[in-house]
Structures are given as C-alpha cells and as structure tokens.
C-alpha cells in the first residue's frame, strides 16, 4: 500500500542551517585533497565555504572547460535554450551562474549546468566557474537539482531510465532505495516507452501509472528487466489506443485531447477508491477494453467535455 504523505513541519524563521559568518568553511582533509586535485588538473580554487543549509563543504573553482562534461545519463540540451544563454552572456559580458560539478575519474561531471556549459563552449570560453561538490553521488541527484530549464515528462523519464542503468552496475541495492534520485516510479516505465517510441504520448498514461506503478523492492538490474516487460505491455495498450484514435479521426473527431480521452475510457481504475493496484493486471484490462472499444458511442461533444491537458509529445 502507498504511504501517506508526511506533512512538512514548519520551521521557525532563521532557525535552520548556518549563519552568514559560519559559512566560512573550516578546511578539512577532503576539501584540501580536492582543491589540490583541481590545481593539478589546471584549474584554480577561488574559495571554499560551507553551504548554508546543510553545512557541507563546497569549493568555488574555475575549471578548464575541456575537462567538463555533462553526466552521461541526462537529457540532451535544448538548442534554443543554449542559443538564448549565449545571447545573454554576450550581451552582459559576464558569466555569473556557476555550474554544479563533481569530479569523476580525471574529468568533471555537471549534473546541473549543461546548457550553460554548452553556451560557454560555443562562445569559445577557456574555463567555466563551478561549485565543486566533494560527494560524487550528487551526480545522481540530477532530477532534483536541474532547475536550469524545466524538464517535461519525456525528459524526466528518459533521464530516469538512463540513471537506473548506471545505478544497476553499482551493486545489489534495490530500485526502491533510489526513490529520491529517480523521483517517480512511472518515469522508469515511461522512459523505456519513449526510447522505443519517441513520439509516445506519455502524458495520456500518467494518471494510470501514478496510481498503479511503484518502485520495486529488488536489485536495480533485476528491476530493469521487469520495467522492460511493463513498458512492452504499455506500448501494446498504446498501439490499440492509437488505432482507435485513428479510426475516430476518420469519422471527423479531432482534438488534441483525443488520446487522453480514449485512455480515460479504457482505464479500469478510473473510479476505484482502492489504495494499490497490480500494474500488469491494470494494463491487461486496459488492452482488453481497448480491443472492445465501441466507436459508435463516441461523439464530438464527449471528447470536448473530457478535455484536459493534452498528452505530451516529443516536441513538448
């Protein structure tokens, strides 16, 4: 059964973290070793401090830009966003927003800052300023960290499944152990669907998956195999839904909400008040309902009344 959300306790103003003067980091062995590595890599340590919320040490550094790259499992950069950043940086003549970075092997990975990194590269920059975090596992906090350009459902899902594959090689920890890093279990299922079918309408299925998909209590590598099966079943449902949508369009019923309307009609748990569901069973019932779908009972006004947020496409 799903856990009830924990109500956040309200913190008293000014009661959490460090005061301004307390953020002056006390040098420790870990930061000192990392600072020495930065200098050896051809970078420059500009300062160290304790970040004000958790008090953890951070290095402000200038890094040789050729040594910095995005984490391998994050979304592809948006061409339009990179160009906008280039224009702004050139216009003000300054780069004022450091990327976040961790050191990985002999490189620096940025889980938050790829668009800024690409903009600086295209502008011909030789270095980039970074907030260098000693804990390398921060690279896996990408979905929570990346506020530079809001992710859409497709981007979040693809990043989550890429990250899960990277985590699978790290031992026998369970998929459920990485709930924070992966954010939502349905991102994994949808990510596999988007990889197989780039124009997959994931938004249409999100209401079903939110109620029926959960993190798996088995090692990530084994969980991935089950996710593959879930994705195949969902894609089979989508095939049947797409066929219905095509036939309705032939009858003159057009709407950006058409697929979401059909999915809602074949959703077996739409009005259920149960707390948990078996996803495989839900998808099997959806497929059966889609195959028995009666097109003659659908009218244009039905689709119009059911209009909600249109399903996300590859362009969203």
Protein backbone atom coordinates (compact mmCIF):
# COMPACT_ATOMS: atom_id res chain seq x y z
CA UNK A 1 0.00 0.00 0.00
CA UNK A 2 1.11 3.54 -0.70
CA UNK A 3 2.45 5.51 2.23
CA UNK A 4 0.54 8.58 3.30
CA UNK A 5 2.48 11.77 2.58
CA UNK A 6 4.32 13.14 5.59
CA UNK A 7 3.21 16.64 6.49
CA UNK A 8 6.13 19.07 6.42
CA UNK A 9 6.87 20.72 9.76
CA UNK A 10 7.05 24.48 9.55
CA UNK A 11 10.48 25.78 10.53
CA UNK A 12 10.79 28.90 12.61
CA UNK A 13 12.31 31.79 10.63
CA UNK A 14 16.09 31.90 10.94
CA UNK A 15 16.30 28.57 12.78
CA UNK A 16 17.92 26.29 10.18
CA UNK A 17 21.47 25.96 8.90
CA UNK A 18 24.43 28.29 9.30
CA UNK A 19 24.65 31.98 9.93
CA UNK A 20 26.39 34.05 7.28
CA UNK A 21 29.77 34.13 9.07
CA UNK A 22 29.54 30.45 9.93
CA UNK A 23 29.67 29.55 6.23
CA UNK A 24 33.38 30.30 6.23
CA UNK A 25 34.47 26.70 5.77
CA UNK A 26 36.91 25.17 8.18
CA UNK A 27 39.44 23.45 5.94
CA UNK A 28 39.26 19.67 6.14
CA UNK A 29 41.25 16.84 4.57
CA UNK A 30 38.59 16.04 1.95
CA UNK A 31 38.33 19.62 0.67
CA UNK A 32 42.10 20.04 0.78
CA UNK A 33 42.67 16.92 -1.36
CA UNK A 34 40.02 18.02 -3.85
CA UNK A 35 41.49 21.52 -4.02
CA UNK A 36 44.93 20.07 -4.73
CA UNK A 37 43.43 17.91 -7.49
CA UNK A 38 41.75 20.94 -9.09
CA UNK A 39 45.07 22.78 -9.20
CA UNK A 40 46.82 19.71 -10.63
CA UNK A 41 44.13 19.49 -13.33
CA UNK A 42 44.93 23.02 -14.47
CA UNK A 43 42.05 24.65 -12.61
CA UNK A 44 42.03 27.33 -9.93
CA UNK A 45 40.46 27.21 -6.46
CA UNK A 46 38.74 30.56 -5.91
CA UNK A 47 37.42 29.79 -2.45
CA UNK A 48 35.81 27.28 -0.12
CA UNK A 49 32.74 27.57 2.05
CA UNK A 50 30.15 25.58 3.95
CA UNK A 51 26.83 25.77 2.12
CA UNK A 52 24.26 27.48 4.36
CA UNK A 53 21.57 24.78 4.61
CA UNK A 54 23.41 21.55 5.44
CA UNK A 55 26.82 22.96 6.28
CA UNK A 56 28.63 20.73 3.77
CA UNK A 57 31.87 21.90 2.22
CA UNK A 58 31.91 23.29 -1.32
CA UNK A 59 34.75 24.58 -3.49
CA UNK A 60 34.26 27.50 -5.84
CA UNK A 61 36.61 26.77 -8.72
CA UNK A 62 37.45 27.78 -12.26
CA UNK A 63 37.81 24.60 -14.33
CA UNK A 64 39.39 24.11 -17.76
CA UNK A 65 36.32 23.82 -19.96
CA UNK A 66 37.71 20.88 -21.93
CA UNK A 67 37.68 18.80 -18.73
CA UNK A 68 33.99 19.39 -18.00
CA UNK A 69 31.14 17.35 -19.46
CA UNK A 70 27.51 16.58 -18.61
CA UNK A 71 26.64 13.41 -16.72
CA UNK A 72 26.18 10.68 -19.35
CA UNK A 73 22.57 9.89 -18.47
CA UNK A 74 21.00 13.35 -18.55
CA UNK A 75 18.74 14.82 -21.24
CA UNK A 76 20.08 16.26 -24.45
CA UNK A 77 20.50 20.04 -24.38
CA UNK A 78 17.86 22.27 -25.91
CA UNK A 79 19.31 24.09 -28.92
CA UNK A 80 17.00 27.06 -28.37
CA UNK A 81 17.94 27.36 -24.69
CA UNK A 82 21.68 27.17 -25.42
CA UNK A 83 21.33 29.97 -28.00
CA UNK A 84 19.36 32.14 -25.54
CA UNK A 85 22.08 31.70 -22.93
CA UNK A 86 24.78 32.57 -25.46
CA UNK A 87 22.95 35.78 -26.34
CA UNK A 88 22.53 36.80 -22.68
CA UNK A 89 26.14 36.02 -21.74
CA UNK A 90 27.43 38.02 -24.71
CA UNK A 91 25.05 40.90 -24.05
CA UNK A 92 26.02 41.39 -20.40
CA UNK A 93 29.61 40.34 -20.99
CA UNK A 94 29.66 38.14 -17.90
CA UNK A 95 29.19 34.51 -16.84
CA UNK A 96 27.59 34.81 -13.41
CA UNK A 97 25.88 31.50 -12.72
CA UNK A 98 28.39 28.73 -11.84
CA UNK A 99 27.58 25.18 -12.83
CA UNK A 100 27.46 22.40 -10.23
CA UNK A 101 30.17 19.78 -10.68
CA UNK A 102 31.65 16.64 -9.18
CA UNK A 103 34.99 15.05 -10.07
CA UNK A 104 34.67 11.70 -11.85
CA UNK A 105 37.88 9.85 -12.77
CA UNK A 106 40.00 12.54 -14.45
CA UNK A 107 37.01 14.63 -15.59
CA UNK A 108 34.39 16.88 -14.04
CA UNK A 109 30.72 15.97 -14.46
CA UNK A 110 27.96 18.54 -14.22
CA UNK A 111 24.51 17.25 -13.21
CA UNK A 112 23.22 20.83 -13.26
CA UNK A 113 24.61 23.27 -15.80
CA UNK A 114 24.87 21.52 -19.16
CA UNK A 115 23.10 24.33 -21.05
CA UNK A 116 25.46 26.90 -19.50
CA UNK A 117 28.42 24.65 -20.29
CA UNK A 118 27.40 24.25 -23.94
CA UNK A 119 26.78 28.00 -24.28
CA UNK A 120 30.25 28.81 -22.93
CA UNK A 121 31.86 26.22 -25.21
CA UNK A 122 30.20 27.69 -28.29
CA UNK A 123 31.28 31.16 -27.25
CA UNK A 124 34.87 29.90 -27.21
CA UNK A 125 35.41 30.16 -23.44
CA UNK A 126 38.58 28.62 -22.00
CA UNK A 127 37.23 27.99 -18.49
CA UNK A 128 33.98 27.81 -16.56
CA UNK A 129 33.26 28.56 -12.91
CA UNK A 130 31.79 25.72 -10.88
CA UNK A 131 30.53 24.88 -7.41
CA UNK A 132 32.52 21.70 -6.89
CA UNK A 133 30.90 19.22 -4.51
CA UNK A 134 33.14 16.55 -2.93
CA UNK A 135 30.39 13.91 -2.76
CA UNK A 136 30.26 12.27 -6.22
CA UNK A 137 26.80 10.77 -5.59
CA UNK A 138 25.38 14.28 -6.11
CA UNK A 139 25.63 13.44 -9.84
CA UNK A 140 22.69 11.08 -9.34
CA UNK A 141 20.51 13.82 -7.83
CA UNK A 142 20.07 15.24 -11.32
CA UNK A 143 16.26 15.40 -11.46
CA UNK A 144 16.05 17.25 -8.17
CA UNK A 145 18.99 19.53 -8.97
CA UNK A 146 18.21 20.51 -12.51
CA UNK A 147 16.20 23.70 -12.29
CA UNK A 148 18.04 25.41 -15.15
CA UNK A 149 15.35 24.54 -17.69
CA UNK A 150 12.20 22.80 -16.54
CA UNK A 151 12.03 19.17 -17.57
CA UNK A 152 9.00 17.92 -19.40
CA UNK A 153 7.70 14.41 -18.81
CA UNK A 154 9.65 12.90 -21.69
CA UNK A 155 12.96 14.40 -20.50
CA UNK A 156 12.44 13.35 -16.89
CA UNK A 157 11.52 9.83 -17.93
CA UNK A 158 14.48 9.34 -20.26
CA UNK A 159 16.90 10.71 -17.67
CA UNK A 160 15.45 8.41 -15.00
CA UNK A 161 15.87 5.24 -17.08
CA UNK A 162 19.40 6.24 -18.11
CA UNK A 163 20.23 6.84 -14.47
CA UNK A 164 18.74 3.49 -13.43
CA UNK A 165 21.01 1.71 -15.90
CA UNK A 166 24.03 3.50 -14.42
CA UNK A 167 22.92 2.59 -10.89
CA UNK A 168 22.43 -1.06 -11.87
CA UNK A 169 26.19 -1.56 -12.08
CA UNK A 170 26.75 -0.27 -8.55
CA UNK A 171 25.82 -3.38 -6.56
CA UNK A 172 22.70 -5.04 -5.23
CA UNK A 173 20.85 -2.03 -3.88
CA UNK A 174 17.13 -2.08 -4.60
CA UNK A 175 15.35 0.20 -7.03
CA UNK A 176 13.29 1.50 -4.10
CA UNK A 177 16.50 2.63 -2.37
CA UNK A 178 16.89 5.27 -5.10
CA UNK A 179 13.40 6.75 -4.83
CA UNK A 180 14.80 10.25 -4.25
CA UNK A 181 17.19 10.13 -7.20
CA UNK A 182 14.61 8.65 -9.60
CA UNK A 183 11.72 10.75 -8.22
CA UNK A 184 8.77 8.71 -9.54
CA UNK A 185 8.49 5.01 -10.46
CA UNK A 186 6.48 5.70 -13.60
CA UNK A 187 9.34 7.76 -15.04
CA UNK A 188 11.22 4.48 -15.47
CA UNK A 189 8.38 2.74 -17.28
CA UNK A 190 7.69 5.76 -19.47
CA UNK A 191 11.39 6.27 -20.17
CA UNK A 192 11.61 2.83 -21.77
CA UNK A 193 8.49 3.60 -23.80
CA UNK A 194 9.92 6.91 -25.04
CA UNK A 195 13.16 5.18 -26.06
CA UNK A 196 11.27 2.63 -28.13
CA UNK A 197 8.67 5.10 -29.44
CA UNK A 198 9.99 8.72 -29.38
CA UNK A 199 6.56 10.26 -30.05
CA UNK A 200 4.89 8.19 -27.35
CA UNK A 201 2.07 10.08 -25.61
CA UNK A 202 3.25 9.52 -22.05
CA UNK A 203 1.06 12.23 -20.57
CA UNK A 204 -2.08 10.29 -21.51
CA UNK A 205 -0.99 7.32 -19.37
CA UNK A 206 0.43 9.21 -16.42
CA UNK A 207 -2.87 9.24 -14.44
CA UNK A 208 -3.00 5.43 -14.60
CA UNK A 209 0.67 4.92 -13.78
CA UNK A 210 0.54 7.35 -10.86
CA UNK A 211 -1.89 5.02 -9.13
CA UNK A 212 -0.57 1.62 -10.22
CA UNK A 213 3.22 1.90 -10.72
CA UNK A 214 5.53 1.66 -7.71
CA UNK A 215 9.24 1.36 -7.01
CA UNK A 216 10.36 -2.26 -6.94
CA UNK A 217 11.95 -3.88 -3.90
CA UNK A 218 14.54 -5.80 -5.88
CA UNK A 219 18.05 -5.00 -7.14
CA UNK A 220 18.08 -2.37 -9.86
CA UNK A 221 19.40 -4.77 -12.52
CA UNK A 222 16.53 -7.21 -11.90
CA UNK A 223 14.04 -4.37 -11.63
CA UNK A 224 15.08 -3.12 -15.08
CA UNK A 225 14.06 -6.45 -16.60
CA UNK A 226 10.60 -6.10 -15.07
CA UNK A 227 10.41 -2.50 -16.24
CA UNK A 228 11.08 -3.70 -19.78
CA UNK A 229 8.10 -6.04 -19.51
CA UNK A 230 5.89 -3.25 -18.15
CA UNK A 231 6.95 -0.97 -20.99
CA UNK A 232 6.14 -3.63 -23.61
CA UNK A 233 2.67 -4.10 -22.10
CA UNK A 234 2.08 -0.34 -22.03
CA UNK A 235 3.21 0.03 -25.63
CA UNK A 236 0.78 -2.71 -26.63
CA UNK A 237 -2.02 -0.75 -24.97
CA UNK A 238 -0.82 2.38 -26.75
CA UNK A 239 -0.93 0.57 -30.08
CA UNK A 240 -4.58 -0.29 -29.54
CA UNK A 241 -5.36 3.25 -28.35
CA UNK A 242 -3.61 4.75 -31.39
CA UNK A 243 -5.69 2.56 -33.68
CA UNK A 244 -8.90 3.77 -32.01
CA UNK A 245 -7.73 7.40 -32.30
CA UNK A 246 -7.02 6.93 -36.00
CA UNK A 247 -10.45 5.50 -36.66
CA UNK A 248 -12.15 8.29 -34.71
CA UNK A 249 -10.23 10.86 -36.75
CA UNK A 250 -11.50 9.18 -39.92
CA UNK A 251 -15.00 9.87 -38.61
CA UNK A 252 -14.14 13.54 -38.21
CA UNK A 253 -13.48 13.59 -34.46
CA UNK A 254 -10.39 15.72 -33.95
CA UNK A 255 -8.94 17.02 -30.70
CA UNK A 256 -5.53 17.34 -29.04
CA UNK A 257 -7.16 15.51 -26.12
CA UNK A 258 -8.33 12.54 -28.16
CA UNK A 259 -5.79 10.01 -26.89
CA UNK A 260 -6.22 11.09 -23.28
CA UNK A 261 -10.00 10.75 -23.75
CA UNK A 262 -9.64 7.18 -25.04
CA UNK A 263 -7.23 6.19 -22.27
CA UNK A 264 -9.65 7.55 -19.67
CA UNK A 265 -12.44 5.49 -21.21
CA UNK A 266 -10.45 2.23 -21.03
CA UNK A 267 -8.89 2.97 -17.61
CA UNK A 268 -10.25 0.24 -15.26
CA UNK A 269 -9.23 2.06 -12.06
CA UNK A 270 -10.52 5.49 -13.01
CA UNK A 271 -13.26 5.50 -10.37
CA UNK A 272 -11.77 2.97 -7.96
CA UNK A 273 -11.02 4.06 -4.40
CA UNK A 274 -8.56 1.22 -3.77
CA UNK A 275 -5.16 2.25 -2.44
CA UNK A 276 -2.99 -0.05 -4.55
CA UNK A 277 -3.17 -1.98 -7.82
CA UNK A 278 -1.26 -4.59 -9.77
CA UNK A 279 0.07 -2.76 -12.84
CA UNK A 280 0.23 -5.85 -15.05
CA UNK A 281 -3.42 -6.59 -14.28
CA UNK A 282 -4.43 -2.98 -14.92
CA UNK A 283 -2.66 -2.91 -18.30
CA UNK A 284 -4.21 -6.25 -19.30
CA UNK A 285 -7.68 -4.88 -18.54
CA UNK A 286 -6.92 -1.69 -20.47
CA UNK A 287 -5.83 -3.69 -23.51
CA UNK A 288 -8.96 -5.81 -23.35
CA UNK A 289 -11.17 -2.72 -23.03
CA UNK A 290 -9.39 -1.04 -25.95
CA UNK A 291 -9.98 -4.05 -28.17
CA UNK A 292 -13.69 -3.96 -27.30
CA UNK A 293 -13.98 -0.17 -27.67
CA UNK A 294 -17.25 0.89 -29.29
CA UNK A 295 -16.51 3.77 -31.63
CA UNK A 296 -20.19 4.29 -32.46
CA UNK A 297 -20.89 5.58 -28.94
CA UNK A 298 -18.31 8.39 -29.14
CA UNK A 299 -19.49 11.87 -30.09
CA UNK A 300 -17.51 15.06 -30.62
CA UNK A 301 -19.16 16.69 -27.59
CA UNK A 302 -18.00 13.77 -25.41
CA UNK A 303 -14.40 14.49 -26.34
CA UNK A 304 -14.88 18.22 -25.81
CA UNK A 305 -16.36 17.72 -22.34
CA UNK A 306 -13.50 15.44 -21.32
CA UNK A 307 -10.79 17.87 -22.45
CA UNK A 308 -7.88 18.22 -20.06
CA UNK A 309 -4.16 18.66 -20.53
CA UNK A 310 -3.16 17.22 -23.90
CA UNK A 311 -0.76 14.30 -23.93
CA UNK A 312 2.90 15.31 -24.15
CA UNK A 313 4.65 14.68 -27.42
CA UNK A 314 8.28 14.68 -28.45
CA UNK A 315 8.12 18.46 -29.01
CA UNK A 316 6.81 19.39 -25.53
